[in-house]
């Protein structure tokens, strides 16, 4: 399954990343979202030589949804600054095993990353992580949540949910009870980057990009 272009102008490119595709190259050697974008721009615009694609944030490999890229160095630099400053509004959808007691709330934890194992846990010595959530729907044994990370920590949503006995469906790394198949035959987790709201890097206009969920999403499609 290939990415889908959601938004594009002279400075920005937003793609709907399929689950199973790495955002950038890794040791697996699989085609990354950045590689795909670079080749797509080269072919569509018949560009000779190297094509600039600036990575300004990331999604975990088993996560689907909107990824924003810079098409120019100016665009990439200014977008990266917004992510560092925490001014980009990020909305995710998650389907979890079980469900929170309250219909909405905010959780604050300190997260510690084990770099050697690429695993994050809640710990007193970690960095602050803040996550707001609300329940969109409940089924027997599962809940569909809208989550908004205020901070931008690695694996933040996955860990903060799992630490409350609400593992994301398919997320075996953080305690899910079973696998969830992806369209590419691999596995995904039921976490989707639904939308990003940011300031355009040159016009400063407020811009929102919304990503439809793919067909391997285990909940309502919209």
N, C-alpha and C. Protein backbone atom coordinates (compact mmCIF):
# COMPACT_ATOMS: atom_id res chain seq x y z
N UNK A 1 0.86 -1.19 0.00
CA UNK A 1 0.00 0.00 0.00
C UNK A 1 0.89 1.24 0.00
N UNK A 2 0.62 2.18 -0.88
CA UNK A 2 1.44 3.38 -1.01
C UNK A 2 0.86 4.54 -0.23
N UNK A 3 1.70 5.51 0.15
CA UNK A 3 1.19 6.72 0.79
C UNK A 3 0.26 7.48 -0.16
N UNK A 4 -0.54 8.36 0.42
CA UNK A 4 -1.46 9.20 -0.34
C UNK A 4 -1.15 10.65 -0.02
N UNK A 5 -1.07 11.49 -1.05
CA UNK A 5 -0.83 12.91 -0.84
C UNK A 5 -2.11 13.56 -0.31
N UNK A 6 -2.01 14.20 0.84
CA UNK A 6 -3.15 14.87 1.47
C UNK A 6 -3.13 16.38 1.23
N UNK A 7 -1.93 16.93 1.13
CA UNK A 7 -1.79 18.39 0.96
C UNK A 7 -0.42 18.65 0.36
N UNK A 8 -0.37 19.63 -0.56
CA UNK A 8 0.92 19.97 -1.15
C UNK A 8 0.90 21.41 -1.64
N UNK A 9 1.99 22.13 -1.41
CA UNK A 9 2.22 23.42 -2.02
C UNK A 9 3.73 23.56 -2.24
N UNK A 10 4.20 24.75 -2.47
CA UNK A 10 5.62 24.92 -2.80
C UNK A 10 6.56 24.54 -1.65
N UNK A 11 6.09 24.63 -0.41
CA UNK A 11 6.97 24.42 0.75
C UNK A 11 6.61 23.20 1.59
N UNK A 12 5.40 22.69 1.45
CA UNK A 12 4.92 21.62 2.34
C UNK A 12 4.38 20.43 1.55
N UNK A 13 4.53 19.27 2.12
CA UNK A 13 3.95 18.05 1.58
C UNK A 13 3.46 17.22 2.76
N UNK A 14 2.17 16.90 2.76
CA UNK A 14 1.60 16.06 3.82
C UNK A 14 1.11 14.76 3.19
N UNK A 15 1.53 13.64 3.77
CA UNK A 15 1.20 12.32 3.25
C UNK A 15 0.47 11.50 4.29
N UNK A 16 -0.40 10.61 3.83
CA UNK A 16 -1.04 9.64 4.70
C UNK A 16 -0.18 8.38 4.66
N UNK A 17 0.60 8.15 5.72
CA UNK A 17 1.53 7.02 5.77
C UNK A 17 0.79 5.73 6.09
N UNK A 18 0.98 4.68 5.30
CA UNK A 18 0.40 3.40 5.66
C UNK A 18 1.16 2.76 6.83
N UNK A 19 0.45 2.01 7.65
CA UNK A 19 1.12 1.26 8.71
C UNK A 19 2.07 0.25 8.09
N UNK A 20 3.24 0.08 8.70
CA UNK A 20 4.24 -0.86 8.20
C UNK A 20 5.36 -0.21 7.43
N UNK A 21 5.17 1.05 7.01
CA UNK A 21 6.22 1.77 6.28
C UNK A 21 7.00 2.63 7.27
N UNK A 22 8.32 2.51 7.32
CA UNK A 22 9.08 3.39 8.20
C UNK A 22 9.05 4.82 7.68
N UNK A 23 9.07 5.79 8.59
CA UNK A 23 9.08 7.18 8.17
C UNK A 23 10.38 7.52 7.48
N UNK A 24 11.49 7.03 8.02
CA UNK A 24 12.79 7.24 7.40
C UNK A 24 13.51 5.90 7.33
N UNK A 25 14.60 5.83 6.57
CA UNK A 25 15.31 4.58 6.39
C UNK A 25 15.79 3.98 7.70
N UNK A 26 15.75 2.67 7.79
CA UNK A 26 16.25 1.98 8.98
C UNK A 26 17.01 0.73 8.56
N UNK A 27 17.41 -0.08 9.54
CA UNK A 27 18.25 -1.24 9.26
C UNK A 27 17.52 -2.31 8.45
N UNK A 28 16.20 -2.23 8.35
CA UNK A 28 15.45 -3.23 7.59
C UNK A 28 15.68 -3.10 6.09
N UNK A 29 16.05 -1.89 5.64
CA UNK A 29 16.22 -1.66 4.22
C UNK A 29 14.92 -1.45 3.47
N UNK A 30 13.79 -1.43 4.17
CA UNK A 30 12.49 -1.20 3.52
C UNK A 30 12.40 0.22 2.98
N UNK A 31 11.62 0.39 1.93
CA UNK A 31 11.40 1.73 1.40
C UNK A 31 10.74 2.59 2.48
N UNK A 32 11.28 3.77 2.70
CA UNK A 32 10.74 4.66 3.71
C UNK A 32 9.80 5.68 3.09
N UNK A 33 9.05 6.36 3.93
CA UNK A 33 8.16 7.42 3.47
C UNK A 33 8.95 8.53 2.79
N UNK A 34 10.09 8.89 3.37
CA UNK A 34 10.94 9.94 2.78
C UNK A 34 11.44 9.51 1.41
N UNK A 35 11.89 8.26 1.28
CA UNK A 35 12.34 7.75 -0.02
C UNK A 35 11.21 7.80 -1.04
N UNK A 36 10.03 7.35 -0.62
CA UNK A 36 8.88 7.35 -1.52
C UNK A 36 8.54 8.76 -1.97
N UNK A 37 8.53 9.70 -1.04
CA UNK A 37 8.19 11.09 -1.37
C UNK A 37 9.21 11.69 -2.34
N UNK A 38 10.47 11.41 -2.10
CA UNK A 38 11.51 11.96 -2.97
C UNK A 38 11.36 11.45 -4.41
N UNK A 39 11.11 10.15 -4.54
CA UNK A 39 10.94 9.58 -5.88
C UNK A 39 9.64 10.06 -6.53
N UNK A 40 8.58 10.17 -5.75
CA UNK A 40 7.31 10.65 -6.29
C UNK A 40 7.44 12.08 -6.82
N UNK A 41 8.10 12.95 -6.09
CA UNK A 41 8.30 14.33 -6.54
C UNK A 41 9.18 14.36 -7.79
N UNK A 42 10.21 13.52 -7.82
CA UNK A 42 11.11 13.49 -8.96
C UNK A 42 10.36 13.11 -10.24
N UNK A 43 9.49 12.09 -10.13
CA UNK A 43 8.75 11.61 -11.30
C UNK A 43 7.66 12.59 -11.70
N UNK A 44 6.87 13.05 -10.73
CA UNK A 44 5.74 13.92 -11.06
C UNK A 44 6.18 15.24 -11.67
N UNK A 45 7.31 15.78 -11.18
CA UNK A 45 7.75 17.08 -11.67
C UNK A 45 8.96 16.98 -12.60
N UNK A 46 9.33 15.75 -12.96
CA UNK A 46 10.44 15.50 -13.88
C UNK A 46 11.69 16.28 -13.46
N UNK A 47 12.04 16.12 -12.19
CA UNK A 47 13.19 16.84 -11.63
C UNK A 47 14.47 16.06 -11.85
N UNK A 48 15.49 16.69 -12.38
CA UNK A 48 16.79 16.02 -12.52
C UNK A 48 17.56 16.08 -11.19
N UNK A 49 18.43 15.14 -10.97
CA UNK A 49 19.28 15.18 -9.79
C UNK A 49 18.53 14.91 -8.50
N UNK A 50 19.11 15.35 -7.39
CA UNK A 50 18.54 15.10 -6.07
C UNK A 50 17.32 15.98 -5.82
N UNK A 51 16.35 15.41 -5.14
CA UNK A 51 15.12 16.13 -4.76
C UNK A 51 15.13 16.33 -3.26
N UNK A 52 14.92 17.56 -2.81
CA UNK A 52 14.94 17.84 -1.37
C UNK A 52 13.62 17.41 -0.72
N UNK A 53 13.73 16.64 0.35
CA UNK A 53 12.59 16.30 1.21
C UNK A 53 13.08 16.41 2.65
N UNK A 54 12.48 17.32 3.41
CA UNK A 54 12.90 17.54 4.79
C UNK A 54 11.97 16.88 5.79
N UNK A 55 12.51 15.97 6.59
CA UNK A 55 11.72 15.29 7.62
C UNK A 55 11.65 16.17 8.86
N UNK A 56 10.43 16.51 9.32
CA UNK A 56 10.29 17.42 10.45
C UNK A 56 9.68 16.76 11.68
N UNK A 57 9.14 15.55 11.53
CA UNK A 57 8.65 14.76 12.67
C UNK A 57 8.49 13.33 12.18
N UNK A 58 8.13 12.41 13.06
CA UNK A 58 8.07 11.00 12.70
C UNK A 58 6.83 10.33 13.26
N UNK A 59 6.48 9.21 12.63
CA UNK A 59 5.50 8.28 13.18
C UNK A 59 6.18 6.92 13.32
N UNK A 60 5.84 6.17 14.36
CA UNK A 60 6.36 4.82 14.51
C UNK A 60 5.93 3.97 13.31
N UNK A 61 6.73 2.99 12.99
CA UNK A 61 6.47 2.15 11.80
C UNK A 61 5.07 1.53 11.79
N UNK A 62 4.56 0.96 12.90
CA UNK A 62 3.24 0.31 12.83
C UNK A 62 2.06 1.27 12.94
N UNK A 63 2.32 2.57 12.89
CA UNK A 63 1.27 3.59 13.02
C UNK A 63 0.98 4.18 11.64
N UNK A 64 -0.29 4.43 11.36
CA UNK A 64 -0.68 5.07 10.11
C UNK A 64 -1.01 6.55 10.37
N UNK A 65 -1.14 7.30 9.27
CA UNK A 65 -1.64 8.67 9.42
C UNK A 65 -0.76 9.74 8.83
N UNK A 66 -1.13 10.99 9.13
CA UNK A 66 -0.54 12.15 8.47
C UNK A 66 0.89 12.41 8.95
N UNK A 67 1.78 12.57 7.97
CA UNK A 67 3.16 12.99 8.22
C UNK A 67 3.42 14.22 7.36
N UNK A 68 3.98 15.24 7.98
CA UNK A 68 4.26 16.50 7.30
C UNK A 68 5.74 16.55 6.94
N UNK A 69 6.03 16.92 5.70
CA UNK A 69 7.40 17.03 5.20
C UNK A 69 7.63 18.42 4.62
N UNK A 70 8.87 18.86 4.62
CA UNK A 70 9.23 20.12 3.98
C UNK A 70 9.76 19.88 2.59
N UNK A 71 9.30 20.67 1.62
CA UNK A 71 9.79 20.55 0.24
C UNK A 71 10.95 21.51 -0.03
N UNK A 72 11.18 22.44 0.88
CA UNK A 72 12.31 23.37 0.78
C UNK A 72 13.00 23.42 2.13
N UNK A 73 14.26 23.85 2.14
CA UNK A 73 14.99 23.93 3.41
C UNK A 73 14.35 24.96 4.32
N UNK A 74 13.85 26.06 3.76
CA UNK A 74 13.17 27.07 4.58
C UNK A 74 11.91 26.49 5.20
N UNK A 75 11.12 25.80 4.38
CA UNK A 75 9.90 25.19 4.91
C UNK A 75 10.19 24.17 5.98
N UNK A 76 11.17 23.30 5.75
CA UNK A 76 11.51 22.27 6.72
C UNK A 76 12.00 22.87 8.03
N UNK A 77 12.84 23.88 7.94
CA UNK A 77 13.38 24.51 9.15
C UNK A 77 12.29 25.14 10.00
N UNK A 78 11.38 25.86 9.35
CA UNK A 78 10.32 26.54 10.10
C UNK A 78 9.28 25.56 10.65
N UNK A 79 9.00 24.49 9.92
CA UNK A 79 8.09 23.47 10.44
C UNK A 79 8.72 22.72 11.60
N UNK A 80 10.01 22.39 11.47
CA UNK A 80 10.71 21.71 12.57
C UNK A 80 10.66 22.53 13.85
N UNK A 81 10.82 23.85 13.72
CA UNK A 81 10.79 24.72 14.89
C UNK A 81 9.43 24.66 15.58
N UNK A 82 8.35 24.58 14.80
CA UNK A 82 7.01 24.49 15.40
C UNK A 82 6.84 23.20 16.19
N UNK A 83 7.36 22.09 15.65
CA UNK A 83 7.27 20.83 16.39
C UNK A 83 8.11 20.89 17.67
N UNK A 84 9.30 21.47 17.60
CA UNK A 84 10.14 21.59 18.80
C UNK A 84 9.46 22.46 19.86
N UNK A 85 8.82 23.53 19.42
CA UNK A 85 8.18 24.47 20.35
C UNK A 85 6.83 23.98 20.85
N UNK A 86 6.31 22.90 20.28
CA UNK A 86 5.05 22.33 20.72
C UNK A 86 3.83 23.11 20.28
N UNK A 87 3.93 23.86 19.18
CA UNK A 87 2.80 24.66 18.71
C UNK A 87 1.96 23.94 17.66
N UNK A 88 2.39 22.77 17.21
CA UNK A 88 1.60 21.99 16.26
C UNK A 88 0.56 21.19 17.03
N UNK A 89 -0.71 21.30 16.62
CA UNK A 89 -1.77 20.53 17.27
C UNK A 89 -1.87 19.17 16.61
N UNK A 90 -1.63 18.11 17.38
CA UNK A 90 -1.63 16.74 16.87
C UNK A 90 -2.81 15.99 17.47
N UNK A 91 -3.61 15.37 16.61
CA UNK A 91 -4.76 14.59 17.05
C UNK A 91 -4.59 13.16 16.52
N UNK A 92 -4.72 12.19 17.40
CA UNK A 92 -4.63 10.78 17.04
C UNK A 92 -5.93 10.07 17.38
N UNK A 93 -6.20 9.00 16.67
CA UNK A 93 -7.24 8.06 17.05
C UNK A 93 -6.56 6.78 17.52
N UNK A 94 -7.09 6.21 18.58
CA UNK A 94 -6.57 4.94 19.10
C UNK A 94 -7.73 4.04 19.48
N UNK A 95 -7.60 2.76 19.20
CA UNK A 95 -8.54 1.77 19.71
C UNK A 95 -7.79 0.92 20.73
N UNK A 96 -8.32 0.89 21.94
CA UNK A 96 -7.62 0.23 23.04
C UNK A 96 -8.41 -0.94 23.57
N UNK A 97 -7.71 -1.85 24.21
CA UNK A 97 -8.37 -2.93 24.94
C UNK A 97 -8.88 -2.37 26.25
N UNK A 98 -10.14 -2.62 26.56
CA UNK A 98 -10.75 -2.04 27.76
C UNK A 98 -11.20 -0.62 27.49
N UNK A 99 -11.22 0.18 28.54
CA UNK A 99 -11.64 1.57 28.38
C UNK A 99 -11.43 2.35 29.66
N UNK A 100 -11.15 3.65 29.55
CA UNK A 100 -10.98 4.48 30.74
C UNK A 100 -12.30 4.67 31.47
N UNK A 101 -12.21 4.89 32.77
CA UNK A 101 -13.43 5.10 33.56
C UNK A 101 -14.12 6.40 33.20
N UNK A 102 -13.33 7.45 33.02
CA UNK A 102 -13.89 8.76 32.69
C UNK A 102 -14.01 8.92 31.18
N UNK A 103 -14.96 9.76 30.75
CA UNK A 103 -15.16 9.98 29.32
C UNK A 103 -14.09 10.89 28.71
N UNK A 104 -13.42 11.67 29.53
CA UNK A 104 -12.36 12.56 29.04
C UNK A 104 -11.45 12.89 30.22
N UNK A 105 -10.23 13.30 29.89
CA UNK A 105 -9.29 13.66 30.94
C UNK A 105 -7.92 13.97 30.40
N UNK A 106 -6.99 14.24 31.30
CA UNK A 106 -5.61 14.52 30.95
C UNK A 106 -4.70 13.74 31.88
N UNK A 107 -3.71 13.09 31.32
CA UNK A 107 -2.75 12.29 32.09
C UNK A 107 -1.38 12.92 31.99
N UNK A 108 -0.66 12.93 33.09
CA UNK A 108 0.72 13.41 33.12
C UNK A 108 1.61 12.33 33.73
N UNK A 109 2.66 11.96 33.03
CA UNK A 109 3.60 10.94 33.48
C UNK A 109 5.02 11.41 33.17
N UNK A 110 5.99 10.71 33.74
CA UNK A 110 7.39 10.90 33.38
C UNK A 110 7.84 9.64 32.67
N UNK A 111 8.41 9.80 31.48
CA UNK A 111 8.77 8.65 30.64
C UNK A 111 10.28 8.51 30.52
N UNK A 112 10.74 7.26 30.59
CA UNK A 112 12.15 6.93 30.46
C UNK A 112 12.31 6.00 29.27
N UNK A 113 13.28 6.29 28.38
CA UNK A 113 13.49 5.45 27.20
C UNK A 113 14.72 4.58 27.38
N UNK A 114 14.55 3.30 27.10
CA UNK A 114 15.66 2.35 27.06
C UNK A 114 16.12 2.29 25.60
N UNK A 115 17.17 3.01 25.28
CA UNK A 115 17.62 3.11 23.89
C UNK A 115 18.04 1.77 23.32
N UNK A 116 18.65 0.91 24.14
CA UNK A 116 19.15 -0.37 23.64
C UNK A 116 18.02 -1.30 23.20
N UNK A 117 16.87 -1.20 23.87
CA UNK A 117 15.73 -2.06 23.55
C UNK A 117 14.63 -1.33 22.79
N UNK A 118 14.78 -0.02 22.61
CA UNK A 118 13.76 0.81 21.96
C UNK A 118 12.40 0.64 22.63
N UNK A 119 12.42 0.72 23.95
CA UNK A 119 11.22 0.59 24.77
C UNK A 119 11.17 1.77 25.74
N UNK A 120 9.97 2.28 25.97
CA UNK A 120 9.77 3.40 26.89
C UNK A 120 8.92 2.92 28.06
N UNK A 121 9.20 3.44 29.25
CA UNK A 121 8.40 3.09 30.43
C UNK A 121 8.16 4.33 31.29
N UNK A 122 7.17 4.25 32.13
CA UNK A 122 6.92 5.31 33.10
C UNK A 122 7.94 5.18 34.23
N UNK A 123 8.59 6.28 34.57
CA UNK A 123 9.60 6.24 35.62
C UNK A 123 9.83 7.62 36.22
N UNK A 124 10.19 7.65 37.49
CA UNK A 124 10.34 8.92 38.20
C UNK A 124 11.44 9.81 37.63
N UNK A 125 12.44 9.21 37.00
CA UNK A 125 13.57 9.98 36.50
C UNK A 125 13.39 10.46 35.06
N UNK A 126 12.21 10.22 34.48
CA UNK A 126 12.01 10.53 33.07
C UNK A 126 11.61 11.96 32.79
N UNK A 127 11.22 12.18 31.53
CA UNK A 127 10.78 13.50 31.08
C UNK A 127 9.26 13.58 31.13
N UNK A 128 8.74 14.75 31.44
CA UNK A 128 7.29 14.94 31.54
C UNK A 128 6.60 14.66 30.21
N UNK A 129 5.47 13.97 30.27
CA UNK A 129 4.65 13.69 29.11
C UNK A 129 3.19 13.94 29.49
N UNK A 130 2.51 14.75 28.70
CA UNK A 130 1.12 15.11 28.98
C UNK A 130 0.24 14.68 27.81
N UNK A 131 -0.85 13.99 28.11
CA UNK A 131 -1.74 13.45 27.09
C UNK A 131 -3.19 13.73 27.48
N UNK A 132 -3.93 14.37 26.58
CA UNK A 132 -5.38 14.59 26.78
C UNK A 132 -6.13 13.56 25.94
N UNK A 133 -7.26 13.09 26.45
CA UNK A 133 -8.05 12.10 25.72
C UNK A 133 -9.54 12.34 25.91
N UNK A 134 -10.31 11.80 24.98
CA UNK A 134 -11.76 11.69 25.17
C UNK A 134 -12.24 10.43 24.47
N UNK A 135 -13.27 9.82 25.02
CA UNK A 135 -13.83 8.60 24.45
C UNK A 135 -14.80 8.96 23.33
N UNK A 136 -14.58 8.39 22.16
CA UNK A 136 -15.49 8.61 21.03
C UNK A 136 -16.57 7.55 20.97
N UNK A 137 -16.21 6.32 21.33
CA UNK A 137 -17.18 5.23 21.27
C UNK A 137 -16.66 4.07 22.10
N UNK A 138 -17.56 3.27 22.62
CA UNK A 138 -17.19 2.07 23.37
C UNK A 138 -17.88 0.86 22.75
N UNK A 139 -17.14 -0.25 22.66
CA UNK A 139 -17.70 -1.52 22.29
C UNK A 139 -17.40 -2.49 23.42
N UNK A 140 -17.88 -3.69 23.28
CA UNK A 140 -17.59 -4.70 24.29
C UNK A 140 -16.10 -5.02 24.27
N UNK A 141 -15.41 -4.64 25.32
CA UNK A 141 -14.00 -4.96 25.47
C UNK A 141 -13.04 -4.00 24.80
N UNK A 142 -13.54 -2.99 24.07
CA UNK A 142 -12.67 -2.03 23.40
C UNK A 142 -13.25 -0.62 23.48
N UNK A 143 -12.37 0.36 23.31
CA UNK A 143 -12.81 1.76 23.27
C UNK A 143 -12.05 2.48 22.17
N UNK A 144 -12.75 3.40 21.54
CA UNK A 144 -12.17 4.25 20.49
C UNK A 144 -11.94 5.62 21.10
N UNK A 145 -10.68 6.04 21.16
CA UNK A 145 -10.31 7.28 21.82
C UNK A 145 -9.75 8.30 20.83
N UNK A 146 -10.01 9.56 21.10
CA UNK A 146 -9.27 10.64 20.48
C UNK A 146 -8.24 11.11 21.49
N UNK A 147 -6.97 11.13 21.08
CA UNK A 147 -5.91 11.52 22.02
C UNK A 147 -5.10 12.66 21.43
N UNK A 148 -4.69 13.57 22.31
CA UNK A 148 -3.93 14.75 21.91
C UNK A 148 -2.69 14.85 22.79
N UNK A 149 -1.53 14.48 22.25
CA UNK A 149 -0.31 14.61 23.04
C UNK A 149 0.11 16.07 23.12
N UNK A 150 0.23 16.58 24.34
CA UNK A 150 0.67 17.96 24.54
C UNK A 150 2.18 18.04 24.36
N UNK A 151 2.87 17.02 24.84
CA UNK A 151 4.31 16.91 24.62
C UNK A 151 4.56 15.97 23.45
N UNK A 152 5.80 15.75 23.09
CA UNK A 152 6.11 14.92 21.93
C UNK A 152 7.15 13.87 22.22
N UNK A 153 6.91 13.03 23.21
CA UNK A 153 7.89 12.01 23.61
C UNK A 153 7.78 10.75 22.75
N UNK A 154 8.89 10.04 22.64
CA UNK A 154 8.91 8.79 21.90
C UNK A 154 7.95 7.78 22.53
N UNK A 155 7.12 7.15 21.69
CA UNK A 155 6.17 6.11 22.12
C UNK A 155 5.18 6.63 23.17
N UNK A 156 5.03 7.94 23.29
CA UNK A 156 4.28 8.51 24.40
C UNK A 156 2.86 7.97 24.51
N UNK A 157 2.10 8.01 23.43
CA UNK A 157 0.70 7.57 23.49
C UNK A 157 0.63 6.09 23.86
N UNK A 158 1.48 5.30 23.25
CA UNK A 158 1.47 3.86 23.47
C UNK A 158 1.75 3.54 24.93
N UNK A 159 2.72 4.22 25.52
CA UNK A 159 3.13 3.93 26.90
C UNK A 159 2.11 4.46 27.90
N UNK A 160 1.64 5.68 27.70
CA UNK A 160 0.71 6.25 28.66
C UNK A 160 -0.61 5.48 28.70
N UNK A 161 -1.05 4.96 27.55
CA UNK A 161 -2.24 4.12 27.54
C UNK A 161 -1.95 2.77 28.19
N UNK A 162 -0.85 2.14 27.80
CA UNK A 162 -0.54 0.80 28.33
C UNK A 162 -0.33 0.82 29.83
N UNK A 163 0.25 1.91 30.36
CA UNK A 163 0.50 1.98 31.80
C UNK A 163 -0.80 2.04 32.60
N UNK A 164 -1.90 2.33 31.94
CA UNK A 164 -3.22 2.36 32.59
C UNK A 164 -4.07 1.14 32.20
N UNK A 165 -3.38 0.10 31.77
CA UNK A 165 -4.01 -1.15 31.36
C UNK A 165 -4.97 -0.92 30.20
N UNK A 166 -4.58 -0.05 29.30
CA UNK A 166 -5.35 0.25 28.10
C UNK A 166 -4.44 0.11 26.87
N UNK A 167 -3.86 -1.08 26.66
CA UNK A 167 -2.94 -1.20 25.51
C UNK A 167 -3.67 -1.00 24.20
N UNK A 168 -2.98 -0.38 23.27
CA UNK A 168 -3.54 -0.21 21.93
C UNK A 168 -3.67 -1.57 21.26
N UNK A 169 -4.80 -1.81 20.61
CA UNK A 169 -5.03 -3.09 19.94
C UNK A 169 -3.89 -3.36 18.96
N UNK A 170 -3.30 -4.55 19.06
CA UNK A 170 -2.21 -4.96 18.18
C UNK A 170 -0.82 -4.59 18.67
N UNK A 171 -0.72 -3.81 19.74
CA UNK A 171 0.59 -3.31 20.20
C UNK A 171 1.23 -4.31 21.17
N UNK A 172 1.79 -5.38 20.61
CA UNK A 172 2.37 -6.44 21.43
C UNK A 172 3.52 -5.92 22.29
N UNK A 173 4.25 -4.93 21.81
CA UNK A 173 5.38 -4.39 22.56
C UNK A 173 4.94 -3.83 23.90
N UNK A 174 3.71 -3.32 23.95
CA UNK A 174 3.21 -2.69 25.18
C UNK A 174 1.98 -3.38 25.74
N UNK A 175 1.91 -4.70 25.56
CA UNK A 175 0.95 -5.49 26.33
C UNK A 175 -0.34 -5.87 25.67
N UNK A 176 -0.52 -5.63 24.37
CA UNK A 176 -1.76 -6.05 23.71
C UNK A 176 -1.87 -7.56 23.70
N UNK A 177 -3.09 -8.07 23.63
CA UNK A 177 -3.32 -9.51 23.74
C UNK A 177 -3.14 -10.26 22.42
N UNK A 178 -3.08 -9.55 21.30
CA UNK A 178 -2.94 -10.23 20.02
C UNK A 178 -2.46 -9.29 18.93
N UNK A 179 -2.08 -9.87 17.79
CA UNK A 179 -1.59 -9.10 16.65
C UNK A 179 -2.75 -8.49 15.87
N UNK A 180 -2.41 -7.49 15.06
CA UNK A 180 -3.39 -6.84 14.19
C UNK A 180 -2.75 -6.77 12.80
N UNK A 181 -3.34 -7.42 11.79
CA UNK A 181 -2.72 -7.44 10.46
C UNK A 181 -2.82 -6.10 9.74
N UNK A 182 -1.78 -5.79 9.00
CA UNK A 182 -1.76 -4.58 8.17
C UNK A 182 -2.00 -4.96 6.72
N UNK A 183 -2.30 -3.97 5.89
CA UNK A 183 -2.57 -4.22 4.47
C UNK A 183 -1.39 -4.84 3.75
N UNK A 184 -0.16 -4.57 4.23
CA UNK A 184 1.02 -5.09 3.55
C UNK A 184 1.37 -6.51 3.98
N UNK A 185 0.53 -7.11 4.82
CA UNK A 185 0.79 -8.46 5.28
C UNK A 185 1.58 -8.53 6.57
N UNK A 186 2.11 -7.39 7.02
CA UNK A 186 2.82 -7.33 8.28
C UNK A 186 1.85 -7.08 9.42
N UNK A 187 2.27 -6.27 10.39
CA UNK A 187 1.36 -5.95 11.48
C UNK A 187 1.30 -4.45 11.68
N UNK A 188 0.20 -4.01 12.27
CA UNK A 188 0.02 -2.62 12.61
C UNK A 188 -0.51 -2.55 14.03
N UNK A 189 -0.57 -1.36 14.57
CA UNK A 189 -1.28 -1.15 15.83
C UNK A 189 -2.42 -0.18 15.53
N UNK A 190 -3.43 -0.20 16.37
CA UNK A 190 -4.63 0.61 16.13
C UNK A 190 -4.42 2.04 16.63
N UNK A 191 -3.41 2.68 16.05
CA UNK A 191 -3.10 4.08 16.34
C UNK A 191 -2.93 4.79 15.00
N UNK A 192 -3.67 5.88 14.83
CA UNK A 192 -3.70 6.60 13.56
C UNK A 192 -3.56 8.09 13.83
N UNK A 193 -2.57 8.71 13.17
CA UNK A 193 -2.39 10.15 13.28
C UNK A 193 -3.47 10.83 12.44
N UNK A 194 -4.51 11.28 13.09
CA UNK A 194 -5.71 11.74 12.39
C UNK A 194 -5.53 13.12 11.75
N UNK A 195 -4.90 14.06 12.46
CA UNK A 195 -4.78 15.40 11.89
C UNK A 195 -3.61 16.17 12.49
N UNK A 196 -3.14 17.15 11.73
CA UNK A 196 -2.15 18.12 12.19
C UNK A 196 -2.65 19.51 11.88
N UNK A 197 -2.47 20.43 12.81
CA UNK A 197 -2.78 21.84 12.58
C UNK A 197 -1.50 22.63 12.87
N UNK A 198 -1.06 23.44 11.89
CA UNK A 198 0.21 24.15 12.00
C UNK A 198 0.11 25.49 11.28
N UNK A 199 1.11 26.33 11.51
CA UNK A 199 1.21 27.59 10.77
C UNK A 199 2.00 27.34 9.50
N UNK A 200 1.49 27.81 8.39
CA UNK A 200 2.22 27.64 7.14
C UNK A 200 3.58 28.32 7.27
N UNK A 201 4.65 27.68 6.80
CA UNK A 201 6.00 28.21 7.06
C UNK A 201 6.32 29.53 6.37
N UNK A 202 5.58 29.92 5.34
CA UNK A 202 5.86 31.21 4.68
C UNK A 202 4.73 32.22 4.83
N UNK A 203 3.48 31.76 4.78
CA UNK A 203 2.35 32.70 4.90
C UNK A 203 1.87 32.87 6.33
N UNK A 204 2.23 31.94 7.23
CA UNK A 204 1.78 31.91 8.62
C UNK A 204 0.29 31.62 8.75
N UNK A 205 -0.37 31.23 7.65
CA UNK A 205 -1.79 30.89 7.72
C UNK A 205 -1.97 29.59 8.49
N UNK A 206 -3.01 29.53 9.33
CA UNK A 206 -3.31 28.30 10.05
C UNK A 206 -3.75 27.25 9.03
N UNK A 207 -3.12 26.09 9.08
CA UNK A 207 -3.36 25.03 8.09
C UNK A 207 -3.64 23.73 8.82
N UNK A 208 -4.68 23.03 8.40
CA UNK A 208 -5.01 21.73 8.99
C UNK A 208 -5.05 20.67 7.91
N UNK A 209 -4.48 19.51 8.22
CA UNK A 209 -4.50 18.37 7.31
C UNK A 209 -5.12 17.20 8.07
N UNK A 210 -6.12 16.56 7.45
CA UNK A 210 -6.82 15.42 8.06
C UNK A 210 -6.58 14.18 7.23
N UNK A 211 -6.25 13.07 7.88
CA UNK A 211 -5.95 11.81 7.20
C UNK A 211 -7.07 10.79 7.43
N UNK A 212 -7.75 10.35 6.37
CA UNK A 212 -8.71 9.26 6.53
C UNK A 212 -8.03 8.00 7.02
N UNK A 213 -8.76 7.16 7.76
CA UNK A 213 -8.17 5.91 8.22
C UNK A 213 -8.14 4.91 7.06
N UNK A 214 -7.12 4.04 7.01
CA UNK A 214 -7.02 3.05 5.94
C UNK A 214 -7.95 1.87 6.18
N UNK A 215 -8.00 0.98 5.19
CA UNK A 215 -8.93 -0.15 5.27
C UNK A 215 -8.53 -1.18 6.31
N UNK A 216 -7.27 -1.15 6.80
CA UNK A 216 -6.89 -2.11 7.85
C UNK A 216 -7.15 -1.57 9.26
N UNK A 217 -7.79 -0.41 9.35
CA UNK A 217 -8.16 0.15 10.64
C UNK A 217 -9.29 -0.69 11.25
N UNK A 218 -9.16 -1.12 12.50
CA UNK A 218 -10.13 -2.07 13.08
C UNK A 218 -11.32 -1.39 13.75
N UNK A 219 -11.77 -0.28 13.21
CA UNK A 219 -12.90 0.44 13.79
C UNK A 219 -13.66 1.20 12.72
N UNK A 220 -14.48 2.18 13.11
CA UNK A 220 -15.26 2.95 12.13
C UNK A 220 -14.35 3.62 11.10
N UNK A 221 -14.75 3.55 9.85
CA UNK A 221 -13.99 4.15 8.75
C UNK A 221 -14.62 5.49 8.39
N UNK A 222 -13.78 6.58 8.44
CA UNK A 222 -14.28 7.90 8.07
C UNK A 222 -13.09 8.81 7.83
